[in-house]
N, C-alpha and C. Protein backbone atom coordinates (compact mmCIF):
# COMPACT_ATOMS: atom_id res chain seq x y z
N VAL A 1 0.85 -1.18 0.00
CA VAL A 1 0.00 0.00 0.00
C VAL A 1 0.89 1.24 0.00
N VAL A 2 0.61 2.15 -0.89
CA VAL A 2 1.27 3.45 -0.85
C VAL A 2 0.40 4.35 0.01
N ALA A 3 0.97 4.86 1.10
CA ALA A 3 0.24 5.75 2.00
C ALA A 3 0.79 7.15 1.82
N THR A 4 0.11 7.93 1.02
CA THR A 4 0.55 9.29 0.73
C THR A 4 -0.46 10.29 1.29
N SER A 5 -0.12 11.53 1.19
CA SER A 5 -1.01 12.54 1.76
C SER A 5 -2.14 12.89 0.79
N SER A 6 -3.14 13.57 1.32
CA SER A 6 -4.27 14.01 0.50
C SER A 6 -3.99 15.33 -0.21
N ALA A 7 -2.76 15.86 -0.08
CA ALA A 7 -2.39 17.09 -0.78
C ALA A 7 -2.47 16.87 -2.29
N SER A 8 -2.93 17.89 -3.00
CA SER A 8 -3.17 17.76 -4.44
C SER A 8 -1.92 17.38 -5.23
N GLU A 9 -0.73 17.78 -4.76
CA GLU A 9 0.48 17.42 -5.51
C GLU A 9 0.74 15.91 -5.51
N ASN A 10 0.03 15.17 -4.67
CA ASN A 10 0.18 13.72 -4.65
C ASN A 10 -0.89 13.00 -5.48
N ASP A 11 -1.71 13.76 -6.19
CA ASP A 11 -2.69 13.15 -7.08
C ASP A 11 -2.00 12.27 -8.12
N ILE A 12 -0.82 12.69 -8.55
CA ILE A 12 -0.07 11.92 -9.56
C ILE A 12 0.37 10.57 -8.99
N ILE A 13 0.65 10.52 -7.71
CA ILE A 13 1.03 9.24 -7.07
C ILE A 13 -0.18 8.31 -7.07
N GLU A 14 -1.33 8.85 -6.69
CA GLU A 14 -2.54 8.03 -6.68
C GLU A 14 -2.86 7.54 -8.09
N ALA A 15 -2.71 8.40 -9.09
CA ALA A 15 -2.98 8.01 -10.47
C ALA A 15 -2.04 6.88 -10.91
N TRP A 16 -0.76 6.99 -10.55
CA TRP A 16 0.20 5.94 -10.88
C TRP A 16 -0.21 4.63 -10.22
N CYS A 17 -0.59 4.69 -8.95
CA CYS A 17 -1.01 3.48 -8.23
C CYS A 17 -2.21 2.83 -8.91
N LEU A 18 -3.21 3.64 -9.25
CA LEU A 18 -4.40 3.10 -9.92
C LEU A 18 -4.03 2.44 -11.24
N GLU A 19 -3.17 3.09 -12.00
CA GLU A 19 -2.75 2.57 -13.31
C GLU A 19 -1.99 1.25 -13.18
N HIS A 20 -1.27 1.07 -12.07
CA HIS A 20 -0.43 -0.11 -11.89
C HIS A 20 -1.00 -1.14 -10.91
N GLY A 21 -2.24 -0.95 -10.51
CA GLY A 21 -2.89 -1.92 -9.63
C GLY A 21 -2.32 -1.97 -8.22
N VAL A 22 -1.84 -0.83 -7.74
CA VAL A 22 -1.27 -0.73 -6.41
C VAL A 22 -2.26 0.00 -5.51
N SER A 23 -2.49 -0.53 -4.32
CA SER A 23 -3.39 0.13 -3.38
C SER A 23 -2.79 1.46 -2.94
N CYS A 24 -3.64 2.46 -2.83
CA CYS A 24 -3.19 3.79 -2.40
C CYS A 24 -4.12 4.30 -1.33
N PHE A 25 -3.54 4.76 -0.23
CA PHE A 25 -4.30 5.36 0.85
C PHE A 25 -3.88 6.80 0.96
N ARG A 26 -4.86 7.71 1.05
CA ARG A 26 -4.58 9.14 1.17
C ARG A 26 -4.97 9.59 2.57
N GLY A 27 -4.08 10.37 3.20
CA GLY A 27 -4.35 10.82 4.55
C GLY A 27 -3.69 12.15 4.85
N ASN A 28 -3.61 12.45 6.13
CA ASN A 28 -3.13 13.73 6.63
C ASN A 28 -1.71 14.04 6.13
N GLU A 29 -1.50 15.25 5.64
CA GLU A 29 -0.20 15.69 5.12
C GLU A 29 0.85 15.78 6.22
N THR A 30 0.53 16.37 7.34
CA THR A 30 1.54 16.64 8.38
C THR A 30 1.51 15.63 9.51
N ASP A 31 0.40 14.97 9.75
CA ASP A 31 0.31 13.97 10.81
C ASP A 31 0.49 12.59 10.20
N VAL A 32 1.75 12.25 9.97
CA VAL A 32 2.08 10.99 9.30
C VAL A 32 1.67 9.80 10.16
N LEU A 33 1.80 9.94 11.48
CA LEU A 33 1.38 8.87 12.38
C LEU A 33 -0.11 8.57 12.20
N ASP A 34 -0.92 9.61 12.10
CA ASP A 34 -2.35 9.41 11.86
C ASP A 34 -2.58 8.75 10.51
N ARG A 35 -1.84 9.16 9.51
CA ARG A 35 -2.00 8.55 8.17
C ARG A 35 -1.73 7.05 8.22
N TYR A 36 -0.64 6.67 8.90
CA TYR A 36 -0.32 5.24 9.02
C TYR A 36 -1.40 4.51 9.81
N PHE A 37 -1.83 5.10 10.92
CA PHE A 37 -2.85 4.47 11.75
C PHE A 37 -4.15 4.27 10.97
N GLN A 38 -4.61 5.32 10.31
CA GLN A 38 -5.87 5.24 9.56
C GLN A 38 -5.77 4.22 8.43
N CYS A 39 -4.63 4.19 7.76
CA CYS A 39 -4.41 3.24 6.67
C CYS A 39 -4.45 1.81 7.21
N ALA A 40 -3.69 1.55 8.26
CA ALA A 40 -3.62 0.20 8.83
C ALA A 40 -4.98 -0.24 9.36
N ARG A 41 -5.68 0.67 10.02
CA ARG A 41 -7.00 0.35 10.57
C ARG A 41 -7.99 0.05 9.45
N SER A 42 -7.99 0.86 8.41
CA SER A 42 -8.95 0.68 7.32
C SER A 42 -8.73 -0.63 6.55
N LEU A 43 -7.49 -1.11 6.55
CA LEU A 43 -7.18 -2.34 5.82
C LEU A 43 -7.08 -3.56 6.74
N GLY A 44 -7.29 -3.37 8.04
CA GLY A 44 -7.27 -4.49 8.98
C GLY A 44 -5.89 -5.12 9.14
N MET A 45 -4.85 -4.32 9.08
CA MET A 45 -3.49 -4.84 9.19
C MET A 45 -3.16 -5.22 10.64
N SER A 46 -2.40 -6.30 10.80
CA SER A 46 -1.94 -6.70 12.13
C SER A 46 -0.50 -6.28 12.36
N ASP A 47 0.29 -6.29 11.31
CA ASP A 47 1.69 -5.87 11.36
C ASP A 47 1.96 -4.99 10.15
N ILE A 48 2.75 -3.94 10.36
CA ILE A 48 3.01 -2.98 9.29
C ILE A 48 4.51 -2.94 9.03
N VAL A 49 4.91 -3.21 7.80
CA VAL A 49 6.31 -3.05 7.38
C VAL A 49 6.40 -1.66 6.78
N ARG A 50 7.26 -0.83 7.33
CA ARG A 50 7.37 0.55 6.86
C ARG A 50 8.62 0.73 6.01
N LEU A 51 8.40 1.08 4.76
CA LEU A 51 9.45 1.45 3.82
C LEU A 51 9.08 2.83 3.31
N THR A 52 10.05 3.71 3.18
CA THR A 52 9.73 5.07 2.74
C THR A 52 10.30 5.35 1.36
N ALA A 53 9.64 6.24 0.66
CA ALA A 53 10.00 6.55 -0.73
C ALA A 53 11.37 7.20 -0.86
N ASP A 54 11.85 7.82 0.21
CA ASP A 54 13.17 8.45 0.11
C ASP A 54 14.31 7.46 0.37
N ASN A 55 13.97 6.19 0.51
CA ASN A 55 14.97 5.14 0.72
C ASN A 55 14.84 4.08 -0.37
N PRO A 56 15.38 4.35 -1.55
CA PRO A 56 15.20 3.43 -2.68
C PRO A 56 16.08 2.19 -2.67
N PHE A 57 16.97 2.05 -1.69
CA PHE A 57 17.91 0.93 -1.68
C PHE A 57 17.65 -0.04 -0.54
N THR A 58 16.39 -0.30 -0.21
CA THR A 58 16.06 -1.25 0.85
C THR A 58 16.74 -2.58 0.57
N ASP A 59 17.36 -3.14 1.60
CA ASP A 59 18.04 -4.43 1.49
C ASP A 59 16.98 -5.52 1.70
N ILE A 60 16.59 -6.18 0.62
CA ILE A 60 15.51 -7.17 0.66
C ILE A 60 15.90 -8.38 1.51
N GLU A 61 17.15 -8.82 1.43
CA GLU A 61 17.59 -9.95 2.27
C GLU A 61 17.45 -9.62 3.75
N GLU A 62 17.86 -8.43 4.12
CA GLU A 62 17.76 -8.03 5.53
C GLU A 62 16.30 -7.78 5.92
N LEU A 63 15.49 -7.31 4.98
CA LEU A 63 14.07 -7.13 5.25
C LEU A 63 13.42 -8.48 5.56
N GLU A 64 13.74 -9.50 4.78
CA GLU A 64 13.19 -10.83 5.05
C GLU A 64 13.63 -11.35 6.42
N ARG A 65 14.89 -11.11 6.78
CA ARG A 65 15.38 -11.51 8.10
C ARG A 65 14.68 -10.70 9.20
N LEU A 66 14.42 -9.43 8.94
CA LEU A 66 13.74 -8.57 9.89
C LEU A 66 12.31 -9.08 10.15
N ILE A 67 11.61 -9.45 9.09
CA ILE A 67 10.25 -9.98 9.22
C ILE A 67 10.28 -11.27 10.05
N ASP A 68 11.22 -12.15 9.75
CA ASP A 68 11.35 -13.39 10.52
C ASP A 68 11.59 -13.10 12.00
N LEU A 69 12.50 -12.19 12.29
CA LEU A 69 12.81 -11.82 13.67
C LEU A 69 11.57 -11.27 14.37
N HIS A 70 10.87 -10.38 13.71
CA HIS A 70 9.67 -9.76 14.27
C HIS A 70 8.62 -10.82 14.61
N GLN A 71 8.40 -11.72 13.68
CA GLN A 71 7.36 -12.73 13.88
C GLN A 71 7.76 -13.77 14.92
N LYS A 72 8.99 -14.24 14.86
CA LYS A 72 9.43 -15.30 15.77
C LYS A 72 9.58 -14.82 17.21
N GLN A 73 9.99 -13.56 17.39
CA GLN A 73 10.24 -13.05 18.73
C GLN A 73 9.04 -12.29 19.31
N GLY A 74 8.05 -12.03 18.50
CA GLY A 74 6.85 -11.34 18.98
C GLY A 74 7.10 -9.91 19.44
N PHE A 75 7.96 -9.21 18.73
CA PHE A 75 8.25 -7.82 19.08
C PHE A 75 7.08 -6.92 18.71
N ASP A 76 6.97 -5.79 19.45
CA ASP A 76 6.00 -4.75 19.10
C ASP A 76 6.56 -3.88 17.98
N TYR A 77 7.85 -3.65 18.05
CA TYR A 77 8.55 -2.78 17.08
C TYR A 77 9.90 -3.42 16.81
N THR A 78 10.21 -3.63 15.56
CA THR A 78 11.46 -4.26 15.15
C THR A 78 12.07 -3.41 14.05
N HIS A 79 13.37 -3.16 14.15
CA HIS A 79 13.99 -2.30 13.15
C HIS A 79 15.38 -2.80 12.76
N ALA A 80 15.85 -2.25 11.65
CA ALA A 80 17.18 -2.58 11.13
C ALA A 80 17.97 -1.29 10.93
N PHE A 81 17.91 -0.40 11.91
CA PHE A 81 18.61 0.89 11.81
C PHE A 81 19.84 0.88 12.72
N GLY A 82 20.79 1.73 12.38
CA GLY A 82 21.96 1.92 13.24
C GLY A 82 23.20 1.18 12.79
N GLN A 83 23.05 0.17 11.96
CA GLN A 83 24.20 -0.58 11.45
C GLN A 83 24.29 -0.50 9.93
N LEU A 84 23.17 -0.69 9.27
CA LEU A 84 23.13 -0.59 7.81
C LEU A 84 23.34 0.86 7.39
N PRO A 85 23.70 1.09 6.13
CA PRO A 85 23.74 2.47 5.65
C PRO A 85 22.39 3.16 5.87
N VAL A 86 22.42 4.45 6.09
CA VAL A 86 21.19 5.22 6.28
C VAL A 86 20.34 5.08 5.02
N GLY A 87 19.09 4.68 5.20
CA GLY A 87 18.19 4.53 4.06
C GLY A 87 18.03 3.10 3.57
N VAL A 88 18.78 2.17 4.12
CA VAL A 88 18.73 0.78 3.67
C VAL A 88 17.83 -0.06 4.57
N GLY A 89 17.73 0.34 5.83
CA GLY A 89 16.97 -0.42 6.81
C GLY A 89 15.47 -0.27 6.65
N ALA A 90 14.77 -0.99 7.48
CA ALA A 90 13.31 -0.98 7.48
C ALA A 90 12.85 -1.15 8.92
N GLU A 91 11.54 -1.05 9.11
CA GLU A 91 10.98 -1.25 10.43
C GLU A 91 9.62 -1.91 10.32
N ILE A 92 9.23 -2.59 11.41
CA ILE A 92 7.95 -3.27 11.48
C ILE A 92 7.36 -2.97 12.84
N PHE A 93 6.06 -2.75 12.88
CA PHE A 93 5.40 -2.59 14.17
C PHE A 93 4.03 -3.24 14.10
N THR A 94 3.57 -3.68 15.26
CA THR A 94 2.25 -4.28 15.32
C THR A 94 1.19 -3.18 15.28
N PHE A 95 -0.01 -3.57 14.91
CA PHE A 95 -1.09 -2.59 14.92
C PHE A 95 -1.36 -2.11 16.34
N GLU A 96 -1.23 -3.00 17.31
CA GLU A 96 -1.45 -2.61 18.70
C GLU A 96 -0.44 -1.54 19.13
N ALA A 97 0.82 -1.72 18.77
CA ALA A 97 1.85 -0.73 19.11
C ALA A 97 1.59 0.59 18.38
N LEU A 98 1.19 0.50 17.11
CA LEU A 98 0.85 1.70 16.35
C LEU A 98 -0.34 2.41 16.99
N SER A 99 -1.33 1.67 17.43
CA SER A 99 -2.51 2.27 18.08
C SER A 99 -2.10 3.00 19.35
N ARG A 100 -1.23 2.40 20.14
CA ARG A 100 -0.79 3.05 21.38
C ARG A 100 -0.01 4.32 21.06
N SER A 101 0.86 4.22 20.09
CA SER A 101 1.63 5.39 19.66
C SER A 101 0.70 6.49 19.18
N HIS A 102 -0.29 6.13 18.40
CA HIS A 102 -1.26 7.09 17.87
C HIS A 102 -2.05 7.75 18.99
N ARG A 103 -2.41 6.95 19.99
CA ARG A 103 -3.21 7.44 21.11
C ARG A 103 -2.40 8.31 22.07
N GLU A 104 -1.14 7.90 22.35
CA GLU A 104 -0.35 8.54 23.39
C GLU A 104 0.72 9.49 22.87
N GLY A 105 1.14 9.32 21.64
CA GLY A 105 2.21 10.15 21.07
C GLY A 105 1.68 11.51 20.65
N LYS A 106 1.81 12.49 21.49
CA LYS A 106 1.20 13.80 21.24
C LYS A 106 2.18 14.88 20.80
N LEU A 107 3.48 14.64 20.97
CA LEU A 107 4.46 15.66 20.60
C LEU A 107 4.54 15.78 19.08
N PRO A 108 4.88 16.96 18.58
CA PRO A 108 4.93 17.14 17.11
C PRO A 108 5.81 16.12 16.40
N HIS A 109 6.97 15.78 16.98
CA HIS A 109 7.83 14.81 16.28
C HIS A 109 7.25 13.40 16.31
N HIS A 110 6.38 13.09 17.27
CA HIS A 110 5.70 11.80 17.26
C HIS A 110 4.72 11.71 16.10
N ARG A 111 4.09 12.82 15.78
CA ARG A 111 3.10 12.84 14.72
C ARG A 111 3.75 12.87 13.34
N GLU A 112 4.91 13.51 13.25
CA GLU A 112 5.61 13.66 11.96
C GLU A 112 6.39 12.41 11.58
N HIS A 113 6.94 11.70 12.58
CA HIS A 113 7.77 10.51 12.33
C HIS A 113 7.13 9.32 13.03
N VAL A 114 6.69 8.37 12.28
CA VAL A 114 5.88 7.27 12.78
C VAL A 114 6.54 6.51 13.93
N ASN A 115 7.85 6.37 13.91
CA ASN A 115 8.54 5.53 14.88
C ASN A 115 9.02 6.25 16.14
N GLU A 116 8.88 7.52 16.23
CA GLU A 116 9.52 8.27 17.32
C GLU A 116 8.92 8.00 18.70
N TYR A 117 7.66 7.70 18.79
CA TYR A 117 7.11 7.37 20.11
C TYR A 117 7.70 6.06 20.61
N PHE A 118 7.94 5.11 19.71
CA PHE A 118 8.58 3.84 20.09
C PHE A 118 9.97 4.10 20.66
N THR A 119 10.73 4.94 19.97
CA THR A 119 12.11 5.18 20.40
C THR A 119 12.18 6.12 21.60
N ASP A 120 11.19 7.00 21.77
CA ASP A 120 11.15 7.88 22.94
C ASP A 120 10.70 7.15 24.20
N CYS A 121 9.91 6.11 24.04
CA CYS A 121 9.34 5.39 25.19
C CYS A 121 9.60 3.88 25.06
N PRO A 122 10.87 3.47 24.99
CA PRO A 122 11.16 2.05 24.77
C PRO A 122 10.66 1.14 25.88
N GLU A 123 10.47 1.68 27.07
CA GLU A 123 9.98 0.87 28.19
C GLU A 123 8.54 0.40 27.99
N LEU A 124 7.83 1.00 27.06
CA LEU A 124 6.43 0.64 26.82
C LEU A 124 6.26 -0.44 25.76
N PHE A 125 7.35 -0.77 25.07
CA PHE A 125 7.26 -1.68 23.93
C PHE A 125 8.34 -2.75 24.00
N LYS A 126 8.04 -3.90 23.42
CA LYS A 126 9.04 -4.95 23.24
C LYS A 126 9.71 -4.65 21.89
N ILE A 127 10.97 -4.19 21.96
CA ILE A 127 11.66 -3.70 20.76
C ILE A 127 12.80 -4.64 20.39
N GLY A 128 12.88 -4.95 19.10
CA GLY A 128 13.96 -5.78 18.58
C GLY A 128 14.75 -5.03 17.53
N GLN A 129 16.05 -5.30 17.50
CA GLN A 129 16.92 -4.73 16.47
C GLN A 129 17.63 -5.85 15.76
N LEU A 130 17.61 -5.80 14.46
CA LEU A 130 18.24 -6.81 13.64
C LEU A 130 19.76 -6.66 13.68
N ASP A 131 20.45 -7.76 13.93
CA ASP A 131 21.91 -7.77 13.78
C ASP A 131 22.20 -8.06 12.31
N VAL A 132 23.04 -7.25 11.71
CA VAL A 132 23.33 -7.42 10.28
C VAL A 132 24.75 -7.94 10.09
N PRO A 133 25.00 -8.60 8.96
CA PRO A 133 26.34 -9.10 8.69
C PRO A 133 27.37 -7.97 8.66
N LEU A 134 28.56 -8.28 9.10
CA LEU A 134 29.66 -7.31 9.18
C LEU A 134 29.88 -6.58 7.84
N ALA A 135 29.76 -7.29 6.74
CA ALA A 135 30.01 -6.70 5.42
C ALA A 135 28.98 -5.63 5.05
N LYS A 136 27.86 -5.58 5.76
CA LYS A 136 26.81 -4.60 5.46
C LYS A 136 26.79 -3.46 6.47
N ILE A 137 27.67 -3.50 7.45
CA ILE A 137 27.68 -2.43 8.45
C ILE A 137 28.42 -1.22 7.88
N SER A 138 27.68 -0.13 7.77
CA SER A 138 28.23 1.12 7.26
C SER A 138 27.25 2.26 7.59
N PRO A 139 27.03 2.51 8.89
CA PRO A 139 26.00 3.48 9.29
C PRO A 139 26.32 4.93 8.89
N GLU A 140 27.56 5.20 8.52
CA GLU A 140 27.93 6.56 8.12
C GLU A 140 27.59 6.85 6.65
N LEU A 141 27.31 5.81 5.88
CA LEU A 141 27.00 5.96 4.45
C LEU A 141 25.52 6.29 4.27
N ARG A 142 25.26 7.32 3.48
CA ARG A 142 23.88 7.73 3.21
C ARG A 142 23.40 7.16 1.87
N LEU A 143 22.45 6.24 1.96
CA LEU A 143 21.80 5.71 0.76
C LEU A 143 20.31 6.08 0.79
N THR A 144 20.04 7.22 1.34
CA THR A 144 18.71 7.81 1.36
C THR A 144 18.73 8.97 0.37
N VAL A 145 17.58 9.57 0.13
CA VAL A 145 17.53 10.69 -0.81
C VAL A 145 16.81 11.86 -0.11
N ASP A 146 17.60 12.63 0.64
CA ASP A 146 17.07 13.79 1.36
C ASP A 146 17.71 15.10 0.90
N THR A 147 18.85 15.00 0.23
CA THR A 147 19.59 16.19 -0.18
C THR A 147 20.01 16.04 -1.65
N GLU A 148 20.50 17.13 -2.22
CA GLU A 148 21.02 17.07 -3.60
C GLU A 148 22.19 16.09 -3.70
N GLU A 149 23.06 16.11 -2.69
CA GLU A 149 24.19 15.17 -2.67
C GLU A 149 23.70 13.72 -2.64
N ASP A 150 22.67 13.45 -1.82
CA ASP A 150 22.09 12.11 -1.77
C ASP A 150 21.54 11.71 -3.14
N TRP A 151 20.83 12.65 -3.78
CA TRP A 151 20.24 12.39 -5.09
C TRP A 151 21.31 12.06 -6.11
N SER A 152 22.41 12.79 -6.10
CA SER A 152 23.51 12.53 -7.03
C SER A 152 24.10 11.14 -6.79
N ARG A 153 24.29 10.78 -5.53
CA ARG A 153 24.82 9.46 -5.18
C ARG A 153 23.86 8.36 -5.66
N ALA A 154 22.57 8.54 -5.40
CA ALA A 154 21.58 7.54 -5.78
C ALA A 154 21.53 7.36 -7.30
N ARG A 155 21.59 8.47 -8.02
CA ARG A 155 21.59 8.38 -9.50
C ARG A 155 22.82 7.64 -10.00
N ALA A 156 23.98 7.95 -9.42
CA ALA A 156 25.21 7.28 -9.82
C ALA A 156 25.15 5.78 -9.54
N LEU A 157 24.63 5.41 -8.39
CA LEU A 157 24.51 3.99 -8.05
C LEU A 157 23.53 3.29 -8.99
N ALA A 158 22.41 3.93 -9.26
CA ALA A 158 21.41 3.34 -10.17
C ALA A 158 21.99 3.19 -11.57
N ALA A 159 22.77 4.16 -12.02
CA ALA A 159 23.38 4.08 -13.35
C ALA A 159 24.39 2.93 -13.41
N GLN A 160 25.17 2.76 -12.34
CA GLN A 160 26.15 1.68 -12.32
C GLN A 160 25.48 0.31 -12.24
N ALA A 161 24.33 0.24 -11.56
CA ALA A 161 23.62 -1.03 -11.42
C ALA A 161 22.91 -1.41 -12.72
N GLY A 162 22.47 -0.40 -13.47
CA GLY A 162 21.73 -0.67 -14.70
C GLY A 162 20.45 -1.43 -14.40
N GLU A 163 20.25 -2.54 -15.11
CA GLU A 163 19.05 -3.36 -14.92
C GLU A 163 19.21 -4.34 -13.76
N ASN A 164 20.40 -4.43 -13.21
CA ASN A 164 20.68 -5.39 -12.15
C ASN A 164 20.25 -4.87 -10.77
N TRP A 165 19.96 -5.80 -9.90
CA TRP A 165 19.65 -5.47 -8.51
C TRP A 165 20.95 -5.06 -7.83
N LEU A 166 20.92 -3.98 -7.07
CA LEU A 166 22.10 -3.49 -6.38
C LEU A 166 22.00 -3.85 -4.91
N GLY A 167 22.87 -4.77 -4.48
CA GLY A 167 22.88 -5.18 -3.08
C GLY A 167 23.61 -4.17 -2.21
N THR A 168 23.38 -4.28 -0.91
CA THR A 168 23.99 -3.35 0.04
C THR A 168 25.51 -3.43 0.01
N GLU A 169 26.07 -4.63 -0.02
CA GLU A 169 27.52 -4.77 -0.05
C GLU A 169 28.11 -4.12 -1.30
N GLU A 170 27.45 -4.29 -2.43
CA GLU A 170 27.92 -3.70 -3.67
C GLU A 170 27.82 -2.17 -3.61
N ALA A 171 26.73 -1.66 -3.05
CA ALA A 171 26.56 -0.21 -2.92
C ALA A 171 27.65 0.38 -2.02
N ILE A 172 27.94 -0.31 -0.93
CA ILE A 172 29.01 0.14 -0.02
C ILE A 172 30.34 0.16 -0.76
N SER A 173 30.62 -0.88 -1.50
CA SER A 173 31.86 -0.98 -2.25
C SER A 173 31.95 0.12 -3.32
N LEU A 174 30.88 0.34 -4.07
CA LEU A 174 30.88 1.37 -5.11
C LEU A 174 31.08 2.77 -4.49
N CYS A 175 30.44 3.02 -3.38
CA CYS A 175 30.59 4.33 -2.73
C CYS A 175 31.98 4.50 -2.15
N SER A 176 32.57 3.42 -1.65
CA SER A 176 33.93 3.48 -1.11
C SER A 176 34.95 3.71 -2.20
N SER A 177 34.72 3.10 -3.36
CA SER A 177 35.69 3.25 -4.45
C SER A 177 35.60 4.61 -5.12
N SER A 178 34.44 5.29 -4.96
CA SER A 178 34.30 6.61 -5.59
C SER A 178 34.55 7.74 -4.61
N ALA A 179 34.88 7.41 -3.38
CA ALA A 179 35.10 8.45 -2.36
C ALA A 179 36.41 9.16 -2.55
């Protein structure tokens, strides 16, 4: 499901989703936590895997391991941040944890960033963090797209990958060799 805002500039996203058979949920522009909650509630989700559009290099192998960890350990919130390059990780939370966050997370940063109530109040949740292979540890490397520099790096990596899938280890190596 693509969960985007109801702002008119996102009409093109909804149109793309409709054209490609992808579910699209439209919600609050500034209250992202509410958007996620309303989307998950309307679709009856029990667990939510959160991937964001500014992170085009999600590590699918680590995502599969993250899902396994979340399910097997029964965590409320499970993430793969802090070791992988910025923008490569993912997170999962239960609907119950999302509901609590939605109900109790009142600070502006809780509403803008879906995971911040979990990280601000870890004593309230069973939290798991994925251990990643040593070859993929590079938390100082930015593989997100938040700045012009990030965009240039992402374009260069995509051009080098061509039609091939670009793994995290390869991205780290390519960025290290071009530094």
